[in-house]
Amino acid sequence: MFNRTGTTHLMSISGLHVTMVAALFGGLIGALWRRVPALAIRLPAQQAAIAAAGLAALGYALLAGFAVPAQRTLYMLLVAGLASWSGRIVAPSRVLALALLVVLLIDPWAVLAAGFWLSFGAVAALLYVGSAQLGRPVGWRERLRGWGMVQWAATLASLPVLLLVFQQFSLVSPLANALAIPVVSFVVTPLALLGAMIPWWPILALAHELLVWLLRFLEWCAVWPVWQAPAPPLWAALTAGLGVAVCLLPRGVPGRLLGVFLLLPALFWPVAKPGEGEAWIDVLDVGQGLATVVRTREHTLIYDPGPLYSAESDAGQRVVVPYLRWLGVNRIDTLVVTHRDTDHSGGTASVRAALPVGEILSSLPELGGQLCQAGQDWRWDGVDFAVLHPLEVTAAVHEAKRAKTNHASCVLKVSAGDHSMLLTSDIEAPDEAALLAREGVKLRSDILLVPHHGSRTSSTEIFLDAVGANEAIVPVGYRNRFGHPKADVMERYAARGVRVWRTDRDGALQVRLAADTTPALRGWRSEHARYWHGR
């Protein structure tokens, strides 16, 4: 709900909250300081208020865990406070530029965080719009118009960053924030802090009741559509930033409509799709587990949604869904959950909650949908899909409940013409032998997803000979506790001249299958190298 309404920033320890606490404490100390002449003579009330605000911001940021967004806000406030303390008339734009310099000196990697661009971009947009206004608004109409302009500027300024980083933005965000920001920042949060200091239940009860009514309003807003588009290239995002600057020019300046046209490439960047008869297969880097995205011209299949990281986090939420949004995929035609182990099925709930799923294929009866069974096959856009294992679903599932769930793993072969990739999940040696006896030459594939992350329980020599792959992909976590992949298993691949790719070393692996060309395979890290890779 918070995502769809653009109000997530209000429900976290954000810069807005740190600033609000600093303003409350600064205003309180300043008001009290003026009423004590002896104190006001020794130190002006304005400076006392600045000092109190800075200490309050520091204390609240520490209390909140001193995360990077809170640090960034603290540094900005301290710079602004020092500028005011000096008694000089410093332009707000210079204060912002100095705060930017301090943040980058302390944390140069802050530029990699979306919050860095959103926070500084929003403040810069507000200063940019405010510089064109003369005098203060008079009357409720002017004040309302000013508040609407603030929401418009903040929303428009964040648009290029949201499209580039998150591939979506809330169309109802200005309306939702227009009510949510003042309610949460100036009523609910102060009441909650007051209730934490004064143990009188009506304070918290009032805060709770106000929040309940606000959430009902946000629930109504959440049903409105969210704009989603694939990640635009950097040049389109920079062009959109220029378009924002043009759109926010003062009224009467000619050419403001040009800004709208500069926004169009980022808003309507086309979705990249495979050609007819082609399959694009991406084995994502999700740590110790498996998550694979298979795309054809008009369809998308997820082969395992990745591991569960903790009670609050999983690969579906952290990796798979953001990656699909980056691609511009808004629907999953088939979700394959190969077996019950959480390093493969942990992200199922997050994926199903985030995107519509047409069909579920798994070895878990409780998920609904169809159970995997050898012999299932279908064709999408000239690409063939065939389930090769397990043979008897019911028996395999019952066996998995008594022993290992690996024996119930769904094995899928994806073929584009004469070229194919075999996705094996966590099958073990007995399953490989059964596949070999049952399928024989049908196992032949150009690329093999290494069974069971390179464990000694799998990748038997006779199975590798039957598959005859030229390339192999090991989905494995960096320095995982199992020691996967095992060195002796990798020696079997090396002895057969198979080129081995690993997600812990190469990052996400992208496979391109086409009927008339040799399969192409590339690693994300080699194509998007960073100086800290391998260090």
Protein backbone atom coordinates (compact mmCIF):
# COMPACT_ATOMS: atom_id res chain seq x y z
CA MET A 1 0.00 0.00 0.00
CA PHE A 2 2.81 2.44 0.89
CA ASN A 3 4.61 1.56 -2.35
CA ARG A 4 1.55 2.15 -4.50
CA THR A 5 0.82 5.50 -2.86
CA GLY A 6 4.42 6.75 -2.71
CA THR A 7 4.32 7.15 1.08
CA THR A 8 6.94 4.58 2.10
CA HIS A 9 9.28 7.37 3.18
CA LEU A 10 6.82 8.37 5.92
CA MET A 11 6.83 4.91 7.49
CA SER A 12 10.59 4.70 7.95
CA ILE A 13 13.19 6.70 9.81
CA SER A 14 13.47 9.23 7.03
CA GLY A 15 15.12 12.59 6.72
CA LEU A 16 11.72 14.19 7.15
CA HIS A 17 11.37 12.68 10.63
CA VAL A 18 14.88 13.70 11.70
CA THR A 19 14.22 17.25 10.51
CA MET A 20 10.84 17.33 12.24
CA VAL A 21 12.32 16.23 15.58
CA ALA A 22 15.10 18.80 15.24
CA ALA A 23 12.56 21.54 14.47
CA LEU A 24 10.35 20.60 17.43
CA PHE A 25 13.21 20.56 19.92
CA GLY A 26 14.79 23.68 18.47
CA GLY A 27 11.50 25.57 18.59
CA LEU A 28 10.80 24.43 22.15
CA ILE A 29 14.25 25.38 23.47
CA GLY A 30 14.18 28.69 21.62
CA ALA A 31 10.78 29.61 23.10
CA LEU A 32 11.89 28.70 26.62
CA TRP A 33 15.28 30.42 26.23
CA ARG A 34 13.66 33.77 25.41
CA ARG A 35 11.76 33.69 28.68
CA VAL A 36 14.94 33.58 30.78
CA PRO A 37 16.74 36.96 30.33
CA ALA A 38 19.99 35.74 31.91
CA LEU A 39 20.27 32.94 29.37
CA ALA A 40 19.27 35.14 26.44
CA ILE A 41 21.98 37.69 27.37
CA ARG A 42 24.71 35.06 27.47
CA LEU A 43 23.59 33.29 24.27
CA PRO A 44 20.99 34.49 21.75
CA ALA A 45 17.85 32.38 21.66
CA GLN A 46 18.30 31.70 17.94
CA GLN A 47 21.69 30.12 18.53
CA ALA A 48 20.39 28.13 21.48
CA ALA A 49 17.61 26.82 19.29
CA ILE A 50 20.12 25.86 16.57
CA ALA A 51 22.30 24.00 19.08
CA ALA A 52 19.29 22.18 20.52
CA ALA A 53 18.06 21.23 17.06
CA GLY A 54 21.48 19.84 16.12
CA LEU A 55 21.74 17.78 19.31
CA ALA A 56 18.18 16.51 18.88
CA ALA A 57 18.90 15.47 15.28
CA LEU A 58 22.08 13.67 16.40
CA GLY A 59 20.27 11.89 19.24
CA TYR A 60 17.34 10.84 17.07
CA ALA A 61 19.63 9.62 14.27
CA LEU A 62 21.60 7.53 16.80
CA LEU A 63 18.39 6.21 18.33
CA ALA A 64 17.18 5.18 14.86
CA GLY A 65 20.36 3.17 14.17
CA PHE A 66 22.40 5.86 12.38
CA ALA A 67 21.53 4.51 8.94
CA VAL A 68 22.85 6.28 5.84
CA PRO A 69 19.64 8.29 5.14
CA ALA A 70 19.59 9.51 8.75
CA GLN A 71 23.29 10.43 8.56
CA ARG A 72 22.74 12.33 5.33
CA THR A 73 19.94 14.36 6.88
CA LEU A 74 22.00 15.03 10.01
CA TYR A 75 24.91 16.41 7.98
CA MET A 76 22.57 18.60 5.95
CA LEU A 77 20.98 19.99 9.12
CA LEU A 78 24.35 20.63 10.78
CA VAL A 79 25.60 22.52 7.74
CA ALA A 80 22.43 24.60 7.60
CA GLY A 81 22.68 25.20 11.36
CA LEU A 82 26.30 26.34 11.18
CA ALA A 83 25.45 28.68 8.31
CA SER A 84 22.70 30.26 10.42
CA TRP A 85 24.90 30.32 13.53
CA SER A 86 27.57 32.31 11.67
CA GLY A 87 25.13 35.19 11.33
CA ARG A 88 25.81 35.52 7.64
CA ILE A 89 23.08 35.67 5.05
CA VAL A 90 23.80 32.50 3.10
CA ALA A 91 21.72 31.57 0.07
CA PRO A 92 19.81 28.28 0.57
CA SER A 93 21.34 26.93 -2.63
CA ARG A 94 24.82 27.39 -1.17
CA VAL A 95 23.78 25.66 2.04
CA LEU A 96 22.52 22.74 -0.03
CA ALA A 97 25.73 22.64 -2.08
CA LEU A 98 27.86 22.70 1.08
CA ALA A 99 25.76 19.92 2.63
CA LEU A 100 26.23 17.91 -0.56
CA LEU A 101 30.00 18.40 -0.30
CA VAL A 102 30.07 17.29 3.36
CA VAL A 103 28.00 14.18 2.63
CA LEU A 104 30.25 13.17 -0.27
CA LEU A 105 33.43 13.77 1.74
CA ILE A 106 32.18 11.58 4.57
CA ASP A 107 30.49 8.95 2.38
CA PRO A 108 31.58 9.03 -1.29
CA TRP A 109 29.55 5.87 -2.01
CA ALA A 110 26.35 7.71 -1.15
CA VAL A 111 25.97 8.43 -4.87
CA LEU A 112 25.08 4.74 -5.35
CA ALA A 113 22.00 5.07 -3.13
CA ALA A 114 18.68 6.08 -4.65
CA GLY A 115 17.86 7.99 -1.47
CA PHE A 116 20.83 10.31 -2.10
CA TRP A 117 19.40 11.46 -5.42
CA LEU A 118 15.82 11.55 -4.18
CA SER A 119 16.57 13.63 -1.09
CA PHE A 120 18.95 16.15 -2.64
CA GLY A 121 16.91 16.24 -5.85
CA ALA A 122 13.67 16.97 -4.00
CA VAL A 123 15.24 19.73 -1.88
CA ALA A 124 16.90 21.25 -4.96
CA ALA A 125 13.57 21.22 -6.80
CA LEU A 126 11.83 22.96 -3.90
CA LEU A 127 14.51 25.65 -3.80
CA TYR A 128 14.34 25.96 -7.59
CA VAL A 129 10.58 26.51 -7.52
CA GLY A 130 10.70 28.74 -4.43
CA SER A 131 13.29 31.06 -5.97
CA ALA A 132 10.70 32.19 -8.52
CA GLN A 133 8.17 33.24 -5.88
CA LEU A 134 8.08 36.77 -4.53
CA GLY A 135 6.73 37.52 -1.06
CA ARG A 136 4.71 35.22 1.13
CA PRO A 137 1.34 33.72 0.20
CA VAL A 138 -1.66 35.63 1.56
CA GLY A 139 -5.00 33.94 2.11
CA TRP A 140 -5.95 30.28 2.15
CA ARG A 141 -6.16 30.01 -1.62
CA GLU A 142 -2.57 31.16 -2.08
CA ARG A 143 -1.39 28.87 0.72
CA LEU A 144 -3.22 25.93 -0.83
CA ARG A 145 -1.75 26.71 -4.20
CA GLY A 146 1.72 26.94 -2.64
CA TRP A 147 1.29 23.54 -0.97
CA GLY A 148 0.15 22.05 -4.27
CA MET A 149 3.20 23.51 -6.01
CA VAL A 150 5.44 21.91 -3.39
CA GLN A 151 3.88 18.49 -4.00
CA TRP A 152 4.07 18.95 -7.76
CA ALA A 153 7.75 19.95 -7.64
CA ALA A 154 8.77 17.11 -5.31
CA THR A 155 6.87 14.52 -7.35
CA LEU A 156 8.16 15.70 -10.70
CA ALA A 157 11.76 15.97 -9.45
CA SER A 158 11.73 12.38 -8.21
CA LEU A 159 10.28 11.01 -11.46
CA PRO A 160 13.58 10.39 -13.37
CA VAL A 161 15.18 8.68 -10.37
CA LEU A 162 12.13 6.53 -9.67
CA LEU A 163 11.96 5.37 -13.29
CA LEU A 164 15.69 4.66 -13.46
CA VAL A 165 15.99 2.85 -10.10
CA PHE A 166 12.55 1.44 -9.32
CA GLN A 167 10.88 1.42 -12.78
CA GLN A 168 7.62 2.70 -11.36
CA PHE A 169 6.01 5.69 -9.73
CA SER A 170 2.69 6.28 -8.06
CA LEU A 171 0.21 8.39 -10.02
CA VAL A 172 -1.68 9.18 -6.82
CA SER A 173 1.46 10.11 -4.85
CA PRO A 174 0.88 13.90 -4.86
CA LEU A 175 -2.64 13.49 -3.43
CA ALA A 176 -1.60 10.85 -0.89
CA ASN A 177 1.43 12.82 0.31
CA ALA A 178 -0.49 16.09 0.48
CA LEU A 179 -2.47 14.63 3.40
CA ALA A 180 -0.07 11.99 4.73
CA ILE A 181 2.99 14.23 5.17
CA PRO A 182 1.41 16.76 7.55
CA VAL A 183 -0.60 14.12 9.44
CA VAL A 184 2.32 11.76 10.03
CA SER A 185 5.07 14.36 10.45
CA PHE A 186 3.33 16.99 12.53
CA VAL A 187 0.69 15.00 14.42
CA VAL A 188 1.22 11.22 14.58
CA THR A 189 5.01 11.13 15.04
CA PRO A 190 5.12 13.90 17.69
CA LEU A 191 2.29 12.19 19.57
CA ALA A 192 4.13 8.86 19.39
CA LEU A 193 7.33 10.43 20.73
CA LEU A 194 5.38 12.22 23.44
CA GLY A 195 3.65 8.97 24.34
CA ALA A 196 7.04 7.30 24.66
CA MET A 197 8.12 9.91 27.22
CA ILE A 198 4.82 10.39 29.07
CA PRO A 199 3.11 7.09 30.00
CA TRP A 200 -0.46 8.33 29.52
CA TRP A 201 -2.42 6.02 27.22
CA PRO A 202 -4.75 8.63 25.62
CA ILE A 203 -1.75 10.15 23.81
CA LEU A 204 -0.93 6.94 21.98
CA ALA A 205 -4.62 6.15 21.51
CA LEU A 206 -5.09 9.47 19.70
CA ALA A 207 -2.05 8.84 17.50
CA HIS A 208 -3.35 5.38 16.69
CA GLU A 209 -6.82 6.61 15.78
CA LEU A 210 -5.44 9.30 13.49
CA LEU A 211 -3.21 6.76 11.78
CA VAL A 212 -6.15 4.38 11.30
CA TRP A 213 -8.12 7.06 9.47
CA LEU A 214 -5.06 7.97 7.39
CA LEU A 215 -4.52 4.33 6.39
CA ARG A 216 -8.13 4.06 5.26
CA PHE A 217 -7.50 7.02 2.98
CA LEU A 218 -4.27 5.43 1.69
CA GLU A 219 -6.08 2.13 1.06
CA TRP A 220 -8.50 4.03 -1.15
CA CYS A 221 -5.58 5.69 -2.94
CA ALA A 222 -3.77 2.36 -3.39
CA VAL A 223 -6.36 1.05 -5.84
CA TRP A 224 -5.33 3.75 -8.31
CA PRO A 225 -2.94 2.57 -11.06
CA VAL A 226 0.85 2.72 -10.77
CA TRP A 227 2.92 3.71 -13.78
CA GLN A 228 5.41 0.96 -14.64
CA ALA A 229 8.00 0.96 -17.40
CA PRO A 230 11.32 -0.81 -18.07
CA ALA A 231 14.45 0.90 -16.82
CA PRO A 232 15.35 3.67 -19.28
CA PRO A 233 18.99 4.17 -20.35
CA LEU A 234 21.01 6.78 -18.50
CA TRP A 235 20.74 9.32 -21.30
CA ALA A 236 16.92 9.11 -21.18
CA ALA A 237 16.95 9.65 -17.39
CA LEU A 238 19.27 12.66 -17.75
CA THR A 239 17.06 14.06 -20.51
CA ALA A 240 14.06 13.60 -18.21
CA GLY A 241 15.92 15.53 -15.49
CA LEU A 242 16.37 18.41 -17.93
CA GLY A 243 12.68 18.14 -18.79
CA VAL A 244 11.80 18.45 -15.10
CA ALA A 245 13.83 21.66 -14.86
CA VAL A 246 12.01 23.09 -17.88
CA CYS A 247 8.56 22.08 -16.58
CA LEU A 248 9.22 23.79 -13.23
CA LEU A 249 10.13 27.13 -14.79
CA PRO A 250 7.97 30.04 -13.56
CA ARG A 251 4.66 30.75 -15.21
CA GLY A 252 5.00 32.98 -18.21
CA VAL A 253 8.35 31.59 -19.34
CA PRO A 254 7.91 30.36 -22.92
CA GLY A 255 8.78 26.81 -23.90
CA ARG A 256 7.71 25.00 -20.73
CA LEU A 257 5.80 22.48 -22.86
CA LEU A 258 9.15 21.35 -24.24
CA GLY A 259 9.87 19.80 -20.82
CA VAL A 260 7.00 17.35 -21.30
CA PHE A 261 8.53 16.09 -24.55
CA LEU A 262 11.88 15.63 -22.82
CA LEU A 263 10.16 13.33 -20.29
CA LEU A 264 8.64 11.04 -22.95
CA PRO A 265 11.67 8.76 -23.66
CA ALA A 266 11.95 7.78 -19.98
CA LEU A 267 8.20 7.35 -19.58
CA PHE A 268 7.66 5.24 -22.70
CA TRP A 269 10.94 3.38 -23.14
CA PRO A 270 10.09 0.15 -25.02
CA VAL A 271 10.39 -3.30 -23.46
CA ALA A 272 13.22 -5.40 -24.93
CA LYS A 273 11.85 -8.79 -26.06
CA PRO A 274 13.30 -11.95 -27.60
CA GLY A 275 12.51 -12.60 -31.23
CA GLU A 276 10.16 -15.32 -32.43
CA GLY A 277 11.70 -18.72 -31.66
CA GLU A 278 14.18 -17.24 -29.17
CA ALA A 279 14.46 -17.76 -25.40
CA TRP A 280 16.29 -15.44 -23.01
CA ILE A 281 17.21 -17.23 -19.78
CA ASP A 282 18.62 -15.28 -16.82
CA VAL A 283 20.07 -17.16 -13.83
CA LEU A 284 20.03 -14.50 -11.13
CA ASP A 285 22.63 -13.97 -8.42
CA VAL A 286 20.57 -14.61 -5.28
CA GLY A 287 23.24 -16.16 -3.05
CA GLN A 288 22.93 -19.80 -2.05
CA GLY A 289 19.78 -20.73 -3.93
CA LEU A 290 18.21 -20.58 -7.34
CA ALA A 291 16.10 -18.05 -9.22
CA THR A 292 15.81 -18.15 -12.99
CA VAL A 293 13.78 -16.01 -15.41
CA VAL A 294 12.88 -17.49 -18.82
CA ARG A 295 11.39 -15.15 -21.42
CA THR A 296 10.04 -15.71 -24.90
CA ARG A 297 8.48 -13.20 -27.27
CA GLU A 298 5.23 -12.82 -25.30
CA HIS A 299 5.64 -15.01 -22.20
CA THR A 300 7.58 -15.13 -18.93
CA LEU A 301 8.38 -18.16 -16.76
CA ILE A 302 10.05 -18.15 -13.34
CA TYR A 303 12.01 -21.30 -12.55
CA ASP A 304 12.25 -21.04 -8.74
CA PRO A 305 11.80 -17.65 -7.04
CA GLY A 306 14.95 -17.84 -4.89
CA PRO A 307 15.87 -18.37 -1.23
CA LEU A 308 14.41 -17.13 2.01
CA TYR A 309 16.94 -14.85 3.70
CA SER A 310 15.12 -14.16 6.97
CA ALA A 311 11.62 -13.85 8.38
CA GLU A 312 11.37 -10.38 6.79
CA SER A 313 13.34 -10.81 3.57
CA ASP A 314 13.62 -13.16 0.61
CA ALA A 315 15.01 -13.22 -2.93
CA GLY A 316 11.58 -12.77 -4.45
CA GLN A 317 11.21 -9.41 -2.75
CA ARG A 318 14.86 -8.32 -2.99
CA VAL A 319 15.95 -9.64 -6.38
CA VAL A 320 13.34 -11.33 -8.58
CA VAL A 321 10.53 -8.74 -8.48
CA PRO A 322 12.88 -5.72 -8.87
CA TYR A 323 14.58 -7.49 -11.78
CA LEU A 324 11.25 -8.16 -13.50
CA ARG A 325 10.30 -4.51 -13.08
CA TRP A 326 13.66 -3.48 -14.51
CA LEU A 327 12.85 -5.62 -17.55
CA GLY A 328 9.35 -4.18 -17.83
CA VAL A 329 7.63 -7.50 -17.05
CA ASN A 330 4.26 -6.97 -15.36
CA ARG A 331 2.93 -10.52 -15.43
CA ILE A 332 4.27 -14.05 -14.88
CA ASP A 333 2.68 -16.64 -17.14
CA THR A 334 4.07 -19.68 -15.29
CA LEU A 335 5.74 -19.91 -11.89
CA VAL A 336 7.69 -23.15 -11.41
CA VAL A 337 8.59 -23.99 -7.79
CA THR A 338 10.76 -27.05 -8.16
CA HIS A 339 10.65 -28.35 -4.58
CA ARG A 340 10.11 -27.42 -0.95
CA ASP A 341 13.65 -26.41 0.11
CA THR A 342 13.63 -22.74 1.11
CA ASP A 343 16.72 -21.91 -0.96
CA HIS A 344 14.48 -22.51 -4.00
CA SER A 345 10.94 -21.77 -2.79
CA GLY A 346 11.58 -18.99 -0.25
CA GLY A 347 10.56 -16.14 -2.54
CA THR A 348 7.26 -17.66 -3.67
CA ALA A 349 4.95 -15.57 -1.49
CA SER A 350 6.66 -12.28 -2.40
CA VAL A 351 6.51 -12.98 -6.14
CA ARG A 352 2.84 -13.98 -6.00
CA ALA A 353 1.98 -10.90 -3.96
CA ALA A 354 3.80 -8.49 -6.28
CA LEU A 355 2.77 -9.73 -9.73
CA PRO A 356 -0.16 -11.63 -11.25
CA VAL A 357 0.72 -15.28 -11.88
CA GLY A 358 -1.13 -17.17 -14.60
CA GLU A 359 -0.22 -20.75 -13.69
CA ILE A 360 1.75 -22.53 -10.97
CA LEU A 361 3.72 -25.69 -11.67
CA SER A 362 5.40 -27.32 -8.66
CA SER A 363 5.97 -30.41 -6.57
CA LEU A 364 4.19 -28.78 -3.60
CA PRO A 365 0.49 -29.71 -3.42
CA GLU A 366 -0.23 -26.88 -0.97
CA LEU A 367 0.64 -24.22 -3.58
CA GLY A 368 -2.25 -25.23 -5.82
CA GLY A 369 -1.93 -25.29 -9.57
CA GLN A 370 -0.50 -28.30 -11.37
CA LEU A 371 2.00 -30.79 -10.02
CA CYS A 372 5.16 -31.36 -12.06
CA GLN A 373 5.12 -34.60 -13.97
CA ALA A 374 7.35 -35.99 -16.69
CA GLY A 375 5.63 -35.71 -20.04
CA GLN A 376 4.18 -32.22 -19.58
CA ASP A 377 5.15 -29.99 -22.47
CA TRP A 378 4.04 -26.80 -24.19
CA ARG A 379 5.20 -24.35 -26.85
CA TRP A 380 5.50 -20.57 -26.47
CA ASP A 381 6.36 -18.32 -29.39
CA GLY A 382 8.32 -21.04 -31.17
CA VAL A 383 10.15 -22.22 -28.01
CA ASP A 384 9.52 -25.71 -26.59
CA PHE A 385 9.27 -26.51 -22.87
CA ALA A 386 9.30 -30.07 -21.51
CA VAL A 387 9.12 -31.37 -17.92
CA LEU A 388 11.37 -34.44 -17.56
CA HIS A 389 11.14 -35.17 -13.83
CA PRO A 390 9.60 -36.39 -11.51
CA LEU A 391 7.83 -39.31 -13.19
CA GLU A 392 5.25 -40.13 -10.53
CA VAL A 393 4.36 -36.93 -8.76
CA THR A 394 2.44 -38.38 -5.85
CA ALA A 395 5.10 -40.92 -4.99
CA ALA A 396 7.86 -38.36 -5.36
CA VAL A 397 6.10 -35.89 -3.07
CA HIS A 398 5.48 -38.49 -0.39
CA GLU A 399 9.09 -39.65 -0.64
CA ALA A 400 10.25 -36.05 -0.30
CA LYS A 401 8.25 -35.63 2.89
CA ARG A 402 9.90 -38.70 4.40
CA ALA A 403 13.43 -38.00 3.16
CA LYS A 404 14.92 -35.28 0.97
CA THR A 405 12.76 -32.90 -0.99
CA ASN A 406 15.44 -32.84 -3.70
CA HIS A 407 14.07 -36.04 -5.27
CA ALA A 408 10.83 -34.22 -6.12
CA SER A 409 12.64 -31.44 -8.03
CA CYS A 410 11.00 -30.38 -11.29
CA VAL A 411 13.43 -30.72 -14.20
CA LEU A 412 12.69 -28.51 -17.20
CA LYS A 413 14.23 -28.49 -20.68
CA VAL A 414 13.95 -25.32 -22.76
CA SER A 415 14.60 -25.73 -26.51
CA ALA A 416 14.86 -23.23 -29.33
CA GLY A 417 15.26 -25.26 -32.50
CA ASP A 418 18.22 -27.61 -32.10
CA HIS A 419 19.65 -25.69 -29.14
CA SER A 420 18.55 -26.21 -25.54
CA MET A 421 19.25 -25.68 -21.85
CA LEU A 422 18.54 -28.24 -19.11
CA LEU A 423 17.33 -26.84 -15.76
CA THR A 424 17.89 -29.50 -13.10
CA SER A 425 17.25 -27.82 -9.73
CA ASP A 426 18.46 -30.12 -6.90
CA ILE A 427 18.18 -33.60 -8.38
CA GLU A 428 20.65 -36.16 -7.01
CA ALA A 429 22.42 -39.25 -8.38
CA PRO A 430 19.37 -41.61 -8.19
CA ASP A 431 17.27 -39.03 -10.03
CA GLU A 432 19.98 -38.58 -12.66
CA ALA A 433 20.06 -42.36 -13.20
CA ALA A 434 16.28 -42.47 -13.53
CA LEU A 435 16.35 -39.60 -16.03
CA LEU A 436 19.07 -41.31 -18.03
CA ALA A 437 17.15 -44.60 -18.18
CA ARG A 438 13.89 -42.90 -19.10
CA GLU A 439 14.90 -40.02 -21.39
CA GLY A 440 18.26 -41.08 -22.84
CA VAL A 441 19.20 -38.87 -25.78
CA LYS A 442 16.49 -36.33 -24.87
CA LEU A 443 18.81 -35.08 -22.11
CA ARG A 444 21.24 -33.75 -24.72
CA SER A 445 21.62 -29.99 -24.16
CA ASP A 446 24.01 -27.17 -24.97
CA ILE A 447 23.87 -25.64 -21.49
CA LEU A 448 23.37 -27.36 -18.13
CA LEU A 449 22.22 -25.76 -14.90
CA VAL A 450 24.47 -27.75 -12.55
CA PRO A 451 22.40 -30.03 -10.29
CA HIS A 452 22.29 -29.26 -6.57
CA HIS A 453 24.74 -26.32 -6.74
CA GLY A 454 27.69 -28.60 -7.49
CA SER A 455 27.19 -30.94 -4.54
CA ARG A 456 28.82 -34.39 -4.40
CA THR A 457 25.32 -35.90 -4.39
CA SER A 458 24.88 -35.01 -8.07
CA SER A 459 26.65 -34.53 -11.42
CA THR A 460 27.54 -38.18 -11.94
CA GLU A 461 29.91 -38.86 -14.81
CA ILE A 462 27.40 -40.92 -16.80
CA PHE A 463 24.82 -38.12 -16.49
CA LEU A 464 27.29 -35.47 -17.68
CA ASP A 465 28.22 -37.65 -20.64
CA ALA A 466 24.54 -38.05 -21.57
CA VAL A 467 23.85 -34.30 -21.40
CA GLY A 468 27.03 -33.39 -23.29
CA ALA A 469 26.80 -29.69 -22.44
CA ASN A 470 29.43 -27.21 -23.61
CA GLU A 471 28.56 -24.69 -20.88
CA ALA A 472 27.49 -25.18 -17.25
CA ILE A 473 26.09 -22.70 -14.75
CA VAL A 474 26.51 -23.15 -10.98
CA PRO A 475 23.96 -21.14 -8.93
CA VAL A 476 25.90 -20.75 -5.72
CA GLY A 477 26.43 -18.32 -2.85
CA TYR A 478 29.75 -16.65 -2.12
CA ARG A 479 31.61 -18.61 0.60
CA ASN A 480 28.48 -20.62 1.36
CA ARG A 481 28.51 -22.89 4.40
CA PHE A 482 28.12 -26.06 2.28
CA GLY A 483 31.34 -25.52 0.37
CA HIS A 484 29.52 -25.66 -2.98
CA PRO A 485 30.61 -26.32 -5.62
CA LYS A 486 32.87 -29.18 -4.60
CA ALA A 487 36.30 -29.24 -6.22
CA ASP A 488 36.11 -32.90 -7.29
CA VAL A 489 32.73 -32.26 -8.95
CA MET A 490 34.16 -29.30 -10.87
CA GLU A 491 37.00 -31.55 -12.02
CA ARG A 492 34.45 -33.77 -13.76
CA TYR A 493 33.24 -30.80 -15.79
CA ALA A 494 36.80 -29.69 -16.55
CA ALA A 495 37.72 -33.18 -17.76
CA ARG A 496 34.95 -32.94 -20.37
CA GLY A 497 35.97 -29.49 -21.57
CA VAL A 498 32.85 -27.85 -20.14
CA ARG A 499 33.14 -24.12 -19.47
CA VAL A 500 31.80 -23.44 -15.97
CA TRP A 501 30.10 -20.19 -14.94
CA ARG A 502 29.32 -19.33 -11.31
CA THR A 503 26.90 -16.75 -9.98
CA ASP A 504 29.13 -15.99 -6.98
CA ARG A 505 31.98 -15.07 -9.33
CA ASP A 506 30.28 -13.93 -12.54
CA GLY A 507 27.07 -12.46 -11.11
CA ALA A 508 23.81 -13.06 -12.93
CA LEU A 509 24.23 -15.21 -16.07
CA GLN A 510 22.33 -14.35 -19.25
CA VAL A 511 21.69 -17.11 -21.79
CA ARG A 512 20.43 -16.45 -25.32
CA LEU A 513 18.93 -19.43 -27.16
CA ALA A 514 17.96 -19.18 -30.83
CA ALA A 515 17.28 -21.79 -33.47
CA ASP A 516 19.72 -20.46 -36.05
CA THR A 517 22.66 -19.31 -33.90
CA THR A 518 25.01 -20.81 -31.33
CA PRO A 519 23.81 -20.20 -27.75
CA ALA A 520 25.38 -17.10 -26.22
CA LEU A 521 26.20 -16.79 -22.53
CA ARG A 522 27.52 -13.76 -20.67
CA GLY A 523 28.08 -12.70 -17.06
CA TRP A 524 26.72 -9.51 -15.58
CA ARG A 525 29.92 -8.61 -13.73
CA SER A 526 32.13 -8.86 -16.80
CA GLU A 527 29.82 -6.51 -18.73
CA HIS A 528 29.19 -4.13 -15.82
CA ALA A 529 32.57 -4.19 -14.12
CA ARG A 530 33.12 -2.24 -10.90
CA TYR A 531 36.47 -1.55 -9.34
CA TRP A 532 35.49 -3.29 -6.10
CA HIS A 533 34.65 -6.60 -7.79
CA GLY A 534 37.01 -9.36 -6.68
CA ARG A 535 38.36 -7.38 -3.71
